[in-house]
Amino acid sequence: MLHSARHAEHGETNFGPVPAAPTHFSICYTPRPGSALAQFGRSWFGRANDGTTLQTFSASGLRGGGPGGITPTPGRYFGLHASFVAPTPLRADARLDEVRTHLAQFAANRKPIETGPLKLTRLCRSLVLQPAEQRPELDWLALQCFNAFDSYAERTDTAENEYPHLSRYQRLLLKSFGQPNVMSEYRFALRLTGPLDQRQLELVSVALRPLIADLCAGGICVDGLSLIGSTPEEANGHISGQTQGTPVRLLGRYSLAG
């Protein structure tokens, strides 16, 4: 009973035992269930972050007169989220249960963060929601997450030619930490689409703006951290990332309660 009370007090939500399959983990902000942002995400992506096996993005969010012919978002986009720790291989001698316990403790000692107004913008060839003004608190939380959970990550060699547009500094980060967008290169972003061409970017932007006007004006509260487990498929002799058939599971959501 005491254990259950503590879970309720800190707003913890676990989704049962951690399955043996996931070999990668990531730490993200996902909308609080029942919130306006969660409802928008479910409508746009056609599914919910509810702990079930998450399916690939479909264009169902574009129904009702929205632009057609939009390329589905790759399977690695598991619903509306903003990454703090991007998907990374789990160290061979570590267990996801350890990561989950650590994340629950970590979140309990951090405060919620208001983003302020949001803006719809382009990140490379994708559309994302970002704070209209930079929020150092979010950058600091991302750095704390990186420092706290990097020890669970397996270091792997990443081919630089998979990231042709990186700066020299980002290439150094990629070589050192396996990720190019960490520390000072981190940017909080709620990703809404996968890569689109110029015409698609314009069409989807027009369709999205009236749907997100209220969300953008009011901003959101980053009030929890979620643990995601995934198992990238092996294709063409190398790990291909989270592809369409990849099992992706939301393993728990923990309120920032500090």
Protein backbone atom coordinates (compact mmCIF):
# COMPACT_ATOMS: atom_id res chain seq x y z
CA MET A 1 0.00 0.00 0.00
CA LEU A 2 2.81 2.40 0.89
CA HIS A 3 4.51 1.64 -2.43
CA SER A 4 1.27 2.35 -4.31
CA ALA A 5 0.75 5.58 -2.36
CA ARG A 6 4.20 6.78 -3.31
CA HIS A 7 3.49 6.08 -6.96
CA ALA A 8 0.28 8.10 -6.77
CA GLU A 9 1.96 10.93 -4.89
CA HIS A 10 4.68 11.36 -7.50
CA GLY A 11 2.41 10.85 -10.49
CA GLU A 12 4.22 7.71 -11.61
CA THR A 13 2.70 5.56 -14.32
CA ASN A 14 4.31 2.22 -15.11
CA PHE A 15 3.00 -0.05 -17.85
CA GLY A 16 3.75 -3.44 -16.35
CA PRO A 17 6.97 -5.47 -16.44
CA VAL A 18 9.64 -4.30 -18.82
CA PRO A 19 9.65 -6.76 -21.74
CA ALA A 20 12.91 -8.55 -22.48
CA ALA A 21 12.99 -7.49 -26.12
CA PRO A 22 13.84 -3.76 -26.08
CA THR A 23 17.53 -3.14 -26.64
CA HIS A 24 17.33 0.65 -26.94
CA PHE A 25 15.93 3.30 -24.63
CA SER A 26 15.06 6.96 -24.87
CA ILE A 27 13.77 9.57 -22.43
CA CYS A 28 11.14 11.98 -23.68
CA TYR A 29 8.45 14.39 -22.73
CA THR A 30 5.07 12.96 -23.73
CA PRO A 31 1.82 14.83 -23.04
CA ARG A 32 -0.02 14.11 -19.81
CA PRO A 33 -2.90 11.73 -20.63
CA GLY A 34 -6.18 13.62 -20.97
CA SER A 35 -4.53 16.98 -21.61
CA ALA A 36 -5.35 19.16 -24.61
CA LEU A 37 -1.91 18.40 -26.04
CA ALA A 38 -2.48 14.65 -25.70
CA GLN A 39 -5.85 14.97 -27.44
CA PHE A 40 -4.26 16.90 -30.30
CA GLY A 41 -1.48 14.30 -30.59
CA ARG A 42 -3.98 11.47 -30.74
CA SER A 43 -5.97 13.25 -33.43
CA TRP A 44 -2.93 14.21 -35.49
CA PHE A 45 -1.10 10.89 -35.31
CA GLY A 46 -4.19 8.72 -35.18
CA ARG A 47 -3.18 7.00 -31.93
CA ALA A 48 -2.35 7.63 -28.29
CA ASN A 49 0.73 7.34 -26.09
CA ASP A 50 -1.02 4.80 -23.88
CA GLY A 51 1.51 2.04 -23.28
CA THR A 52 0.31 -0.26 -26.07
CA THR A 53 2.54 -1.26 -28.94
CA LEU A 54 2.74 1.94 -30.92
CA GLN A 55 2.17 1.75 -34.66
CA THR A 56 3.70 3.76 -37.45
CA PHE A 57 2.42 7.21 -38.26
CA SER A 58 -0.35 7.35 -40.82
CA ALA A 59 -1.81 10.33 -42.67
CA SER A 60 -5.07 9.92 -40.73
CA GLY A 61 -4.34 13.20 -39.02
CA LEU A 62 -4.74 14.90 -42.37
CA ARG A 63 -8.32 13.76 -42.97
CA GLY A 64 -11.15 16.25 -43.38
CA GLY A 65 -9.83 18.32 -46.26
CA GLY A 66 -6.19 18.23 -45.29
CA PRO A 67 -3.50 17.84 -47.94
CA GLY A 68 -3.10 14.36 -49.36
CA GLY A 69 -0.10 12.42 -50.52
CA ILE A 70 1.92 13.04 -47.35
CA THR A 71 4.69 10.51 -46.81
CA PRO A 72 4.05 8.59 -43.55
CA THR A 73 6.36 9.47 -40.73
CA PRO A 74 8.98 6.76 -40.10
CA GLY A 75 8.21 4.27 -37.33
CA ARG A 76 10.74 5.89 -34.99
CA TYR A 77 8.23 8.70 -34.36
CA PHE A 78 6.15 7.10 -31.63
CA GLY A 79 3.49 9.74 -31.25
CA LEU A 80 3.76 13.31 -30.01
CA HIS A 81 6.94 13.69 -27.98
CA ALA A 82 10.07 15.76 -27.43
CA SER A 83 13.30 13.86 -26.85
CA PHE A 84 15.63 14.59 -23.96
CA VAL A 85 17.72 11.47 -24.53
CA ALA A 86 17.48 10.22 -28.13
CA PRO A 87 17.08 6.47 -28.77
CA THR A 88 20.34 4.83 -27.77
CA PRO A 89 21.54 1.22 -27.35
CA LEU A 90 21.26 -0.15 -23.82
CA ARG A 91 24.56 -1.29 -22.34
CA ALA A 92 24.82 -5.09 -22.39
CA ASP A 93 25.07 -5.42 -18.60
CA ALA A 94 22.32 -2.86 -17.85
CA ARG A 95 18.58 -3.47 -17.54
CA LEU A 96 15.67 -1.24 -18.46
CA ASP A 97 14.23 -1.78 -14.98
CA GLU A 98 17.30 0.00 -13.61
CA VAL A 99 16.78 2.90 -15.98
CA ARG A 100 13.10 3.10 -15.02
CA THR A 101 13.84 3.17 -11.28
CA HIS A 102 16.48 5.85 -11.80
CA LEU A 103 14.12 7.93 -13.96
CA ALA A 104 11.37 7.82 -11.32
CA GLN A 105 13.82 9.16 -8.72
CA PHE A 106 15.27 11.71 -11.14
CA ALA A 107 11.86 13.12 -12.09
CA ALA A 108 10.70 13.36 -8.48
CA ASN A 109 13.48 15.89 -7.82
CA ARG A 110 12.93 18.18 -10.83
CA LYS A 111 10.40 20.95 -11.29
CA PRO A 112 7.87 21.31 -14.13
CA ILE A 113 8.88 23.81 -16.82
CA GLU A 114 6.57 26.16 -18.72
CA THR A 115 7.57 26.58 -22.34
CA GLY A 116 5.79 29.88 -22.93
CA PRO A 117 4.21 30.40 -26.38
CA LEU A 118 5.15 27.88 -29.06
CA LYS A 119 5.84 28.35 -32.76
CA LEU A 120 5.44 26.02 -35.73
CA THR A 121 8.78 25.89 -37.48
CA ARG A 122 10.91 23.76 -39.77
CA LEU A 123 13.72 21.59 -38.47
CA CYS A 124 15.64 20.31 -41.47
CA ARG A 125 12.78 18.96 -43.62
CA SER A 126 10.34 18.31 -40.78
CA LEU A 127 7.75 20.42 -38.96
CA VAL A 128 8.11 20.85 -35.21
CA LEU A 129 6.72 22.90 -32.35
CA GLN A 130 9.35 24.82 -30.39
CA PRO A 131 9.26 27.55 -27.74
CA ALA A 132 9.00 30.96 -29.39
CA GLU A 133 11.76 32.13 -27.04
CA GLN A 134 14.60 29.91 -25.87
CA ARG A 135 14.03 28.33 -22.46
CA PRO A 136 17.37 27.68 -20.70
CA GLU A 137 15.50 25.53 -18.16
CA LEU A 138 14.72 22.99 -20.88
CA ASP A 139 18.32 22.97 -22.09
CA TRP A 140 19.47 22.44 -18.50
CA LEU A 141 17.02 19.57 -18.00
CA ALA A 142 18.28 17.93 -21.20
CA LEU A 143 21.89 18.23 -20.00
CA GLN A 144 20.95 16.76 -16.61
CA CYS A 145 19.20 13.86 -18.35
CA PHE A 146 22.23 13.23 -20.52
CA ASN A 147 24.59 13.23 -17.55
CA ALA A 148 22.31 11.03 -15.45
CA PHE A 149 21.57 8.34 -18.04
CA ASP A 150 24.59 8.28 -20.35
CA SER A 151 26.14 5.54 -18.21
CA TYR A 152 23.39 3.14 -19.34
CA ALA A 153 24.25 3.68 -23.01
CA GLU A 154 26.38 1.36 -25.11
CA ARG A 155 28.99 3.20 -27.16
CA THR A 156 28.74 2.29 -30.84
CA ASP A 157 30.52 3.55 -33.92
CA THR A 158 28.22 5.72 -36.02
CA ALA A 159 29.04 6.32 -39.65
CA GLU A 160 29.46 10.05 -40.18
CA ASN A 161 28.20 9.76 -43.75
CA GLU A 162 24.74 9.07 -42.30
CA TYR A 163 24.76 12.72 -41.11
CA PRO A 164 26.08 14.76 -44.06
CA HIS A 165 24.87 18.14 -42.76
CA LEU A 166 26.56 18.15 -39.35
CA SER A 167 28.90 20.92 -38.29
CA ARG A 168 32.43 20.05 -37.15
CA TYR A 169 31.35 20.43 -33.54
CA GLN A 170 28.35 18.16 -34.04
CA ARG A 171 30.60 15.56 -35.65
CA LEU A 172 32.82 15.71 -32.58
CA LEU A 173 29.78 15.15 -30.36
CA LEU A 174 28.67 12.25 -32.56
CA LYS A 175 32.09 10.64 -32.32
CA SER A 176 32.33 11.20 -28.56
CA PHE A 177 28.78 10.46 -27.42
CA GLY A 178 27.05 8.70 -30.32
CA GLN A 179 24.62 11.64 -30.75
CA PRO A 180 25.17 14.99 -32.46
CA ASN A 181 22.43 17.00 -30.73
CA VAL A 182 23.47 16.91 -27.10
CA MET A 183 24.67 19.51 -24.59
CA SER A 184 24.87 22.94 -26.26
CA GLU A 185 23.42 21.51 -29.51
CA TYR A 186 20.19 20.34 -27.84
CA ARG A 187 16.92 21.95 -28.97
CA PHE A 188 13.55 21.11 -27.41
CA ALA A 189 11.11 20.21 -30.20
CA LEU A 190 7.77 18.39 -30.54
CA ARG A 191 8.10 16.70 -33.92
CA LEU A 192 4.92 16.66 -36.00
CA THR A 193 6.11 15.13 -39.28
CA GLY A 194 8.89 13.20 -40.89
CA PRO A 195 10.90 14.61 -43.82
CA LEU A 196 8.73 16.44 -46.35
CA ASP A 197 9.46 18.15 -49.63
CA GLN A 198 8.96 21.89 -50.04
CA ARG A 199 5.39 21.62 -51.34
CA GLN A 200 4.38 19.23 -48.56
CA LEU A 201 5.91 21.51 -45.94
CA GLU A 202 3.76 24.37 -47.17
CA LEU A 203 0.57 22.28 -47.39
CA VAL A 204 0.95 20.72 -43.96
CA SER A 205 1.85 24.06 -42.37
CA VAL A 206 -1.36 25.58 -43.71
CA ALA A 207 -3.40 22.61 -42.44
CA LEU A 208 -1.77 22.67 -39.01
CA ARG A 209 -1.82 26.33 -38.06
CA PRO A 210 -5.55 26.62 -37.20
CA LEU A 211 -5.41 23.32 -35.30
CA ILE A 212 -2.57 24.42 -33.05
CA ALA A 213 -3.28 28.14 -32.65
CA ASP A 214 -4.55 27.82 -29.07
CA LEU A 215 -1.77 25.41 -28.07
CA CYS A 216 0.86 27.74 -29.49
CA ALA A 217 -0.59 30.80 -27.79
CA GLY A 218 -0.80 29.20 -24.36
CA GLY A 219 2.30 27.04 -24.52
CA ILE A 220 2.64 23.79 -22.60
CA CYS A 221 3.97 22.61 -19.27
CA VAL A 222 6.72 20.00 -19.45
CA ASP A 223 5.46 18.17 -16.39
CA GLY A 224 6.81 14.65 -16.81
CA LEU A 225 9.42 12.39 -18.34
CA SER A 226 8.66 9.14 -20.15
CA LEU A 227 10.81 6.07 -20.72
CA ILE A 228 10.55 4.51 -24.17
CA GLY A 229 11.87 1.06 -25.05
CA SER A 230 12.49 -0.03 -28.64
CA THR A 231 14.16 -2.76 -30.65
CA PRO A 232 15.59 -1.60 -33.97
CA GLU A 233 15.47 -4.15 -36.74
CA GLU A 234 18.61 -5.34 -38.45
CA ALA A 235 18.61 -4.68 -42.17
CA ASN A 236 21.26 -4.87 -44.88
CA GLY A 237 23.85 -6.01 -42.40
CA HIS A 238 23.56 -3.06 -40.02
CA ILE A 239 21.22 -1.61 -37.45
CA SER A 240 18.83 0.51 -39.41
CA GLY A 241 17.25 2.49 -36.58
CA GLN A 242 13.63 2.26 -35.56
CA THR A 243 11.99 1.11 -38.75
CA GLN A 244 8.37 0.57 -39.59
CA GLY A 245 8.14 -2.84 -37.93
CA THR A 246 10.02 -1.84 -34.81
CA PRO A 247 8.36 -2.65 -31.49
CA VAL A 248 8.20 0.62 -29.54
CA ARG A 249 6.72 0.78 -26.06
CA LEU A 250 6.02 3.52 -23.56
CA LEU A 251 7.31 1.90 -20.37
CA GLY A 252 6.41 4.59 -17.86
CA ARG A 253 5.69 8.28 -17.34
CA TYR A 254 6.95 10.11 -14.24
CA SER A 255 5.81 13.53 -13.09
CA LEU A 256 8.34 16.27 -12.45
CA ALA A 257 7.49 16.74 -8.81
CA GLY A 258 10.43 18.59 -7.28
